[in-house]
């Protein structure tokens, strides 16, 4: 596939503005997330508490995103997207003030994590539902999704490494403050976008609750949507939540520092960005179902090796393959969902996908964080690996629905 074809979404002015703003905001968000992960572990020394922090920061994605999906299909999406950016700015400022004036009250830090998660629960499905609006030619949608995933994982490479160094030199407050400052140009870039964000008119006799269940029924009636969304929920719960254990690996097993933790996230991101580029440069959508099988197998095999606490070089190799496999599944799933839904249900279906992808993740981090302390590392990650292999088999059995 020629490079200009892969970069076709950049021909659209709105997509260029969105991509620039999203790159800036993601950098700050990853710095904050990295700082929170290490800060909670440093204050408590517990993987269970690290799991609680991740749980609180994303549990609202499970409960709030379906409601956000109803709003997305009923209000002006551009206004909604701008509003949540101001919410993200406020959360970053709150975390900065917490660290400057206190910094030791774990309960307050966990509360701020929860409030930050509320913002993300609305922002993610709103942004995802607008990707099709940002591009002038809808045939470029798979490339746009692949480029978004590439951006997400590129910042996942750069920002954690930067955050590790900044945290070691200046502390968590500097990471949080950087996030707040970076939100300002993001808001201005999004405000400069011009596109039709009016919702598709809802039926007069269908209220918000009726609209929500209408979206669920529609999702369940389409085999591709039902299979992909249900399976990504299981993978997110068991296959992606191993990251809650990385502070423990960095501290106790490999006797490292915040910089090592940042490098672990960076190596995972290197694999992820290569998978995202593969999706972006992919010309034949028929490969996507195969990537669902391959990606699950890669994540499962990686977790099996990681569970043995291997030599550090092999640990990094497995983090690379786990990151590659995770995004191979995630980006393929996102593309398949976006390509197989009706526009009238876009906000609700995307919100259900977001709930499955990010809303189940905190339950997994809470489960694995506590399970690791009770039964040990190998049974904990062995369970996760088994779920991944089971999903690979299921996608192979159901492969005909993607034809």
Protein backbone atom coordinates (compact mmCIF):
# COMPACT_ATOMS: atom_id res chain seq x y z
CA UNK A 1 0.00 0.00 0.00
CA UNK A 2 1.40 3.39 -0.95
CA UNK A 3 2.21 5.77 1.88
CA UNK A 4 -0.03 8.59 0.53
CA UNK A 5 -3.00 6.20 0.71
CA UNK A 6 -2.22 5.31 4.31
CA UNK A 7 -2.02 9.01 5.17
CA UNK A 8 -5.14 9.94 3.21
CA UNK A 9 -7.09 11.14 6.30
CA UNK A 10 -4.62 14.06 6.62
CA UNK A 11 -6.09 15.53 3.44
CA UNK A 12 -9.02 16.60 5.64
CA UNK A 13 -8.51 19.86 7.54
CA UNK A 14 -10.61 18.76 10.50
CA UNK A 15 -8.65 15.55 10.88
CA UNK A 16 -5.34 17.44 10.86
CA UNK A 17 -6.56 19.76 13.63
CA UNK A 18 -7.99 16.87 15.62
CA UNK A 19 -4.84 14.77 15.24
CA UNK A 20 -2.60 17.64 16.38
CA UNK A 21 -4.72 18.37 19.44
CA UNK A 22 -5.08 14.72 20.32
CA UNK A 23 -1.30 14.21 20.11
CA UNK A 24 -0.75 17.01 22.60
CA UNK A 25 -3.43 15.88 25.04
CA UNK A 26 -2.38 12.22 24.91
CA UNK A 27 1.18 13.14 25.83
CA UNK A 28 -0.01 14.86 29.00
CA UNK A 29 -2.49 12.08 29.82
CA UNK A 30 0.17 9.37 29.58
CA UNK A 31 2.49 11.39 31.81
CA UNK A 32 -0.25 11.68 34.42
CA UNK A 33 -1.19 8.02 34.20
CA UNK A 34 2.44 6.93 34.58
CA UNK A 35 2.96 9.25 37.56
CA UNK A 36 -0.22 8.01 39.28
CA UNK A 37 0.76 4.37 38.80
CA UNK A 38 4.13 4.84 40.48
CA UNK A 39 2.88 7.32 43.11
CA UNK A 40 0.20 5.00 44.46
CA UNK A 41 2.62 2.10 44.64
CA UNK A 42 5.27 4.31 46.30
CA UNK A 43 2.80 5.50 48.95
CA UNK A 44 1.33 2.07 49.73
CA UNK A 45 3.80 -0.59 48.51
CA UNK A 46 0.79 -2.69 47.46
CA UNK A 47 -0.22 -4.05 44.05
CA UNK A 48 -3.75 -4.27 45.43
CA UNK A 49 -3.81 -0.50 45.99
CA UNK A 50 -2.32 0.02 42.53
CA UNK A 51 -5.21 -2.05 41.22
CA UNK A 52 -7.67 0.02 43.26
CA UNK A 53 -6.27 3.24 41.76
CA UNK A 54 -6.61 1.92 38.19
CA UNK A 55 -10.04 0.56 39.07
CA UNK A 56 -11.30 3.92 40.31
CA UNK A 57 -9.79 5.82 37.40
CA UNK A 58 -11.68 3.70 34.86
CA UNK A 59 -14.64 2.03 36.58
CA UNK A 60 -16.91 4.89 35.52
CA UNK A 61 -16.22 3.86 31.91
CA UNK A 62 -18.33 0.79 32.57
CA UNK A 63 -21.32 2.64 34.00
CA UNK A 64 -21.15 6.08 32.38
CA UNK A 65 -20.21 5.37 28.75
CA UNK A 66 -23.60 3.81 27.84
CA UNK A 67 -25.31 6.96 29.14
CA UNK A 68 -22.76 9.07 27.26
CA UNK A 69 -23.65 7.13 24.10
CA UNK A 70 -27.29 8.18 24.40
CA UNK A 71 -26.18 11.82 24.84
CA UNK A 72 -23.84 11.58 21.84
CA UNK A 73 -26.73 10.53 19.60
CA UNK A 74 -28.92 13.37 20.93
CA UNK A 75 -26.75 16.50 21.40
CA UNK A 76 -24.19 18.49 19.42
CA UNK A 77 -21.08 16.31 19.52
CA UNK A 78 -18.65 19.18 18.93
CA UNK A 79 -19.94 21.06 21.98
CA UNK A 80 -19.81 17.87 24.02
CA UNK A 81 -16.20 17.16 22.99
CA UNK A 82 -15.08 20.67 23.94
CA UNK A 83 -16.86 20.47 27.30
CA UNK A 84 -15.06 17.30 28.33
CA UNK A 85 -11.70 18.86 27.42
CA UNK A 86 -12.33 21.54 30.05
CA UNK A 87 -13.17 18.73 32.46
CA UNK A 88 -9.83 17.06 31.69
CA UNK A 89 -8.05 20.37 32.31
CA UNK A 90 -9.76 20.72 35.70
CA UNK A 91 -8.77 17.17 36.72
CA UNK A 92 -5.10 17.79 35.84
CA UNK A 93 -5.11 21.01 37.86
CA UNK A 94 -6.70 19.17 40.79
CA UNK A 95 -3.98 16.48 40.77
CA UNK A 96 -1.28 19.16 40.64
CA UNK A 97 -2.72 21.01 43.64
CA UNK A 98 -3.05 17.74 45.55
CA UNK A 99 0.62 16.95 45.11
CA UNK A 100 1.76 20.48 45.89
CA UNK A 101 -0.26 20.95 49.08
CA UNK A 102 -0.49 17.39 50.43
CA UNK A 103 0.78 14.47 48.39
CA UNK A 104 0.36 11.79 51.05
CA UNK A 105 -3.41 11.41 51.44
CA UNK A 106 -4.03 8.25 49.43
CA UNK A 107 -7.81 8.55 49.79
CA UNK A 108 -7.74 12.00 48.17
CA UNK A 109 -5.55 10.76 45.34
CA UNK A 110 -7.97 7.89 44.72
CA UNK A 111 -10.90 10.33 44.69
CA UNK A 112 -9.16 12.48 42.07
CA UNK A 113 -8.47 9.34 40.02
CA UNK A 114 -12.19 8.57 40.07
CA UNK A 115 -13.15 12.11 38.97
CA UNK A 116 -10.59 11.98 36.17
CA UNK A 117 -12.11 8.70 35.06
CA UNK A 118 -15.56 10.29 34.84
CA UNK A 119 -14.23 12.77 32.29
CA UNK A 120 -12.62 10.01 30.23
CA UNK A 121 -15.82 7.97 30.28
CA UNK A 122 -17.51 10.72 28.28
CA UNK A 123 -14.55 11.92 26.22
CA UNK A 124 -13.51 8.59 24.68
CA UNK A 125 -16.84 7.55 23.09
CA UNK A 126 -17.50 11.16 22.01
CA UNK A 127 -14.17 11.34 20.22
CA UNK A 128 -14.48 7.85 18.71
CA UNK A 129 -17.96 8.59 17.36
CA UNK A 130 -16.67 11.72 15.61
CA UNK A 131 -13.79 10.16 13.68
CA UNK A 132 -16.04 9.54 10.69
CA UNK A 133 -17.00 13.24 10.78
CA UNK A 134 -13.38 14.39 10.76
CA UNK A 135 -12.57 12.88 7.36
CA UNK A 136 -13.97 14.04 4.02
CA UNK A 137 -13.91 10.61 2.35
CA UNK A 138 -15.48 7.80 4.40
CA UNK A 139 -13.42 5.14 2.62
CA UNK A 140 -10.44 6.49 4.58
CA UNK A 141 -12.03 5.44 7.90
CA UNK A 142 -9.85 2.31 8.45
CA UNK A 143 -6.72 4.39 7.84
CA UNK A 144 -7.97 7.08 10.24
CA UNK A 145 -8.55 4.49 12.97
CA UNK A 146 -5.12 2.97 12.35
CA UNK A 147 -3.47 6.39 12.51
CA UNK A 148 -5.30 7.20 15.74
CA UNK A 149 -4.08 3.95 17.24
CA UNK A 150 -0.56 4.74 16.01
CA UNK A 151 -0.72 8.13 17.72
CA UNK A 152 -2.05 6.61 20.92
CA UNK A 153 0.78 4.14 21.06
CA UNK A 154 3.47 6.55 19.90
CA UNK A 155 2.67 8.81 22.83
CA UNK A 156 2.55 5.64 24.94
CA UNK A 157 6.20 5.14 23.95
CA UNK A 158 7.43 8.68 24.47
CA UNK A 159 5.37 10.01 27.38
CA UNK A 160 6.00 7.26 29.99
CA UNK A 161 9.74 7.47 29.42
CA UNK A 162 9.61 11.26 29.79
CA UNK A 163 7.34 10.94 32.82
CA UNK A 164 9.75 8.53 34.50
CA UNK A 165 12.60 11.00 34.13
CA UNK A 166 10.49 14.01 35.16
CA UNK A 167 9.11 12.11 38.17
CA UNK A 168 12.62 11.16 39.31
CA UNK A 169 13.91 14.73 38.96
CA UNK A 170 10.97 16.93 39.95
CA UNK A 171 8.24 14.68 41.38
CA UNK A 172 4.69 13.79 40.41
CA UNK A 173 3.43 17.38 40.63
CA UNK A 174 5.49 18.36 37.58
CA UNK A 175 3.95 15.52 35.55
CA UNK A 176 0.43 16.61 36.52
CA UNK A 177 1.18 20.28 35.81
CA UNK A 178 2.55 19.42 32.36
CA UNK A 179 -0.69 17.61 31.59
CA UNK A 180 -2.70 20.72 32.58
CA UNK A 181 -0.59 23.04 30.43
CA UNK A 182 -0.83 20.77 27.38
CA UNK A 183 -4.64 20.78 27.57
CA UNK A 184 -4.78 24.48 26.64
CA UNK A 185 -3.54 24.22 23.00
CA UNK A 186 -5.66 21.06 22.64
CA UNK A 187 -8.81 23.05 23.42
CA UNK A 188 -7.91 25.79 20.93
CA UNK A 189 -7.24 23.29 18.13
CA UNK A 190 -10.54 21.50 18.70
CA UNK A 191 -12.38 24.82 18.79
CA UNK A 192 -10.96 25.65 15.34
CA UNK A 193 -12.62 22.59 13.76
CA UNK A 194 -15.74 23.01 11.63
CA UNK A 195 -18.03 20.09 10.84
CA UNK A 196 -21.66 19.03 11.06
CA UNK A 197 -22.06 17.66 14.59
CA UNK A 198 -25.85 17.69 14.71
CA UNK A 199 -27.34 14.41 15.97
CA UNK A 200 -29.65 12.20 13.95
CA UNK A 201 -33.20 13.04 15.21
CA UNK A 202 -34.45 10.52 17.75
CA UNK A 203 -37.89 9.01 17.60
CA UNK A 204 -40.44 11.19 19.37
CA UNK A 205 -41.72 8.39 21.59
CA UNK A 206 -38.28 7.10 22.63
CA UNK A 207 -36.78 8.59 25.79
CA UNK A 208 -33.17 8.20 27.01
CA UNK A 209 -33.69 4.79 28.65
CA UNK A 210 -35.61 3.52 25.63
CA UNK A 211 -32.84 4.86 23.38
CA UNK A 212 -30.18 3.07 25.41
CA UNK A 213 -31.93 -0.30 25.18
CA UNK A 214 -32.62 0.30 21.50
CA UNK A 215 -28.87 0.63 20.96
CA UNK A 216 -28.17 -2.53 22.96
CA UNK A 217 -30.75 -4.49 20.97
CA UNK A 218 -29.27 -3.25 17.70
CA UNK A 219 -25.73 -4.18 18.75
CA UNK A 220 -26.85 -7.66 19.80
CA UNK A 221 -28.72 -8.21 16.52
CA UNK A 222 -25.56 -7.76 14.41
CA UNK A 223 -23.32 -10.87 14.75
CA UNK A 224 -20.05 -9.02 14.04
CA UNK A 225 -20.77 -6.33 16.63
CA UNK A 226 -21.99 -8.82 19.23
CA UNK A 227 -18.98 -11.12 18.85
CA UNK A 228 -16.32 -8.42 18.75
CA UNK A 229 -17.68 -6.34 21.65
CA UNK A 230 -18.26 -9.31 23.97
CA UNK A 231 -14.83 -10.78 23.25
CA UNK A 232 -12.98 -7.48 23.65
CA UNK A 233 -14.62 -7.16 27.08
CA UNK A 234 -13.10 -10.48 28.18
CA UNK A 235 -9.71 -9.64 26.69
CA UNK A 236 -9.62 -6.23 28.37
CA UNK A 237 -10.52 -7.79 31.73
CA UNK A 238 -7.95 -10.59 31.67
CA UNK A 239 -5.49 -9.89 28.85
CA UNK A 240 -4.73 -6.18 29.17
CA UNK A 241 -4.80 -5.72 32.95
CA UNK A 242 -1.34 -7.25 33.51
CA UNK A 243 -0.02 -3.66 33.46
CA UNK A 244 -1.18 -3.25 37.07
CA UNK A 245 1.67 -5.62 38.03
CA UNK A 246 4.41 -3.65 36.26
CA UNK A 247 5.28 -1.41 39.27
CA UNK A 248 5.84 -4.61 41.28
CA UNK A 249 8.03 -6.07 38.52
CA UNK A 250 10.05 -2.85 38.36
CA UNK A 251 10.48 -2.54 42.13
CA UNK A 252 10.63 -6.02 43.69
CA UNK A 253 11.59 -8.42 40.92
CA UNK A 254 14.03 -6.30 38.90
CA UNK A 255 15.01 -3.87 41.71
CA UNK A 256 14.40 -0.83 39.56
CA UNK A 257 13.20 2.76 39.83
CA UNK A 258 10.48 4.93 38.27
CA UNK A 259 12.65 5.12 35.15
CA UNK A 260 12.54 1.33 34.73
CA UNK A 261 8.76 1.37 35.13
CA UNK A 262 8.55 4.03 32.43
CA UNK A 263 10.76 1.95 30.16
CA UNK A 264 8.52 -1.06 30.65
CA UNK A 265 5.55 0.96 29.41
CA UNK A 266 7.67 2.31 26.58
CA UNK A 267 8.69 -1.16 25.35
CA UNK A 268 5.05 -2.24 25.44
CA UNK A 269 4.26 0.85 23.38
CA UNK A 270 6.92 0.04 20.77
CA UNK A 271 5.18 -3.22 19.97
CA UNK A 272 1.82 -1.50 20.03
CA UNK A 273 2.78 1.21 17.56
CA UNK A 274 4.09 -1.34 15.05
CA UNK A 275 0.76 -3.16 15.21
CA UNK A 276 -1.10 0.13 14.77
CA UNK A 277 1.01 1.00 11.72
CA UNK A 278 0.23 -2.41 10.27
CA UNK A 279 -3.49 -1.63 10.57
CA UNK A 280 -3.03 1.88 9.13
CA UNK A 281 -1.15 0.59 6.08
CA UNK A 282 -3.45 -2.37 5.59
CA UNK A 283 -5.29 -2.31 2.28
CA UNK A 284 -7.42 -5.43 2.70
CA UNK A 285 -9.93 -5.42 5.54
CA UNK A 286 -10.28 -9.19 5.19
CA UNK A 287 -7.09 -9.58 7.23
CA UNK A 288 -8.68 -8.00 10.30
CA UNK A 289 -10.42 -11.19 11.58
CA UNK A 290 -7.12 -13.06 11.26
CA UNK A 291 -5.45 -10.38 13.37
CA UNK A 292 -8.01 -11.03 16.12
CA UNK A 293 -6.81 -14.65 16.30
CA UNK A 294 -3.10 -13.85 16.00
CA UNK A 295 -3.24 -10.99 18.51
CA UNK A 296 -4.91 -13.07 21.21
CA UNK A 297 -2.34 -15.84 20.74
CA UNK A 298 0.54 -13.36 21.06
CA UNK A 299 -0.83 -11.82 24.24
CA UNK A 300 -1.49 -15.24 25.79
CA UNK A 301 2.00 -16.57 24.99
CA UNK A 302 3.64 -13.38 26.27
CA UNK A 303 1.81 -13.52 29.59
CA UNK A 304 2.80 -17.16 30.10
CA UNK A 305 6.48 -16.24 29.79
CA UNK A 306 6.13 -13.08 31.90
CA UNK A 307 4.56 -15.14 34.70
CA UNK A 308 7.89 -16.95 35.17
CA UNK A 309 9.70 -13.64 35.91
CA UNK A 310 12.35 -14.32 33.23
CA UNK A 311 15.62 -12.48 32.64
CA UNK A 312 15.08 -8.76 32.12
CA UNK A 313 15.91 -8.86 28.39
CA UNK A 314 13.35 -11.63 27.80
CA UNK A 315 10.83 -9.78 29.96
CA UNK A 316 11.18 -6.76 27.66
CA UNK A 317 10.78 -8.95 24.57
CA UNK A 318 7.53 -10.35 26.00
CA UNK A 319 6.28 -6.85 26.83
CA UNK A 320 6.95 -5.96 23.18
CA UNK A 321 4.95 -8.91 21.85
CA UNK A 322 2.16 -8.34 24.39
CA UNK A 323 1.89 -4.73 23.23
CA UNK A 324 1.92 -5.79 19.58
CA UNK A 325 -0.78 -8.40 20.12
CA UNK A 326 -2.96 -6.12 22.24
CA UNK A 327 -3.17 -3.40 19.61
CA UNK A 328 -3.51 -5.93 16.81
CA UNK A 329 -6.74 -7.03 18.52
CA UNK A 330 -7.81 -3.57 19.72
CA UNK A 331 -7.35 -1.70 16.44
CA UNK A 332 -8.86 -4.53 14.39
CA UNK A 333 -11.87 -4.68 16.70
CA UNK A 334 -12.39 -0.92 16.55
CA UNK A 335 -12.20 -0.93 12.74
CA UNK A 336 -14.64 -3.83 12.42
CA UNK A 337 -17.13 -2.14 14.75
CA UNK A 338 -16.92 1.23 12.97
CA UNK A 339 -17.37 -0.43 9.56
CA UNK A 340 -20.37 -2.56 10.52
CA UNK A 341 -22.75 -0.19 12.29
CA UNK A 342 -25.63 2.04 11.25
CA UNK A 343 -25.03 5.80 11.55
CA UNK A 344 -28.19 6.31 13.64
CA UNK A 345 -26.73 4.06 16.34
CA UNK A 346 -23.11 5.20 16.06
CA UNK A 347 -22.87 6.98 19.42
CA UNK A 348 -24.55 4.17 21.34
CA UNK A 349 -22.63 1.32 19.69
CA UNK A 350 -19.29 3.12 20.06
CA UNK A 351 -20.11 3.75 23.73
CA UNK A 352 -20.85 0.04 24.23
CA UNK A 353 -17.55 -0.81 22.56
CA UNK A 354 -15.80 1.71 24.81
CA UNK A 355 -17.50 0.20 27.85
CA UNK A 356 -16.27 -3.25 26.79
CA UNK A 357 -12.75 -2.06 25.98
CA UNK A 358 -11.97 0.41 28.76
CA UNK A 359 -14.83 -0.12 31.22
CA UNK A 360 -13.98 -3.75 31.98
CA UNK A 361 -10.25 -3.04 32.31
CA UNK A 362 -10.47 -1.67 35.89
CA UNK A 363 -12.25 -4.81 37.06
CA UNK A 364 -9.33 -6.78 35.62
CA UNK A 365 -6.71 -4.63 37.36
CA UNK A 366 -8.54 -4.98 40.66
CA UNK A 367 -8.85 -8.74 40.16
CA UNK A 368 -5.24 -9.31 39.10
CA UNK A 369 -3.79 -6.92 41.68
CA UNK A 370 -5.50 -8.78 44.53
CA UNK A 371 -5.22 -12.26 42.98
CA UNK A 372 -1.45 -11.83 42.64
CA UNK A 373 -1.07 -11.15 46.36
CA UNK A 374 -3.24 -14.15 47.30
CA UNK A 375 -2.14 -16.97 44.96
CA UNK A 376 1.05 -15.68 43.36
CA UNK A 377 2.26 -14.50 40.00
CA UNK A 378 2.18 -17.67 37.88
CA UNK A 379 -1.45 -18.72 38.59
CA UNK A 380 -2.54 -15.09 38.19
CA UNK A 381 -1.03 -14.55 34.73
CA UNK A 382 -1.70 -18.17 33.77
CA UNK A 383 -5.42 -17.45 34.10
CA UNK A 384 -5.05 -14.38 31.88
CA UNK A 385 -3.13 -16.37 29.26
CA UNK A 386 -5.79 -19.09 29.25
CA UNK A 387 -8.53 -16.54 28.53
CA UNK A 388 -6.51 -15.13 25.62
CA UNK A 389 -6.02 -18.56 24.05
CA UNK A 390 -9.71 -19.32 24.55
CA UNK A 391 -10.68 -16.13 22.70
CA UNK A 392 -8.33 -16.99 19.83
CA UNK A 393 -10.09 -20.34 19.46
CA UNK A 394 -13.52 -18.67 19.58
CA UNK A 395 -12.62 -16.15 16.87
CA UNK A 396 -11.37 -19.03 14.72
CA UNK A 397 -14.65 -20.90 15.19
CA UNK A 398 -16.72 -17.78 14.39
CA UNK A 399 -14.55 -16.54 11.52
CA UNK A 400 -17.33 -16.98 8.91
CA UNK A 401 -19.39 -14.10 10.33
CA UNK A 402 -16.72 -11.67 9.10
CA UNK A 403 -16.97 -12.81 5.48
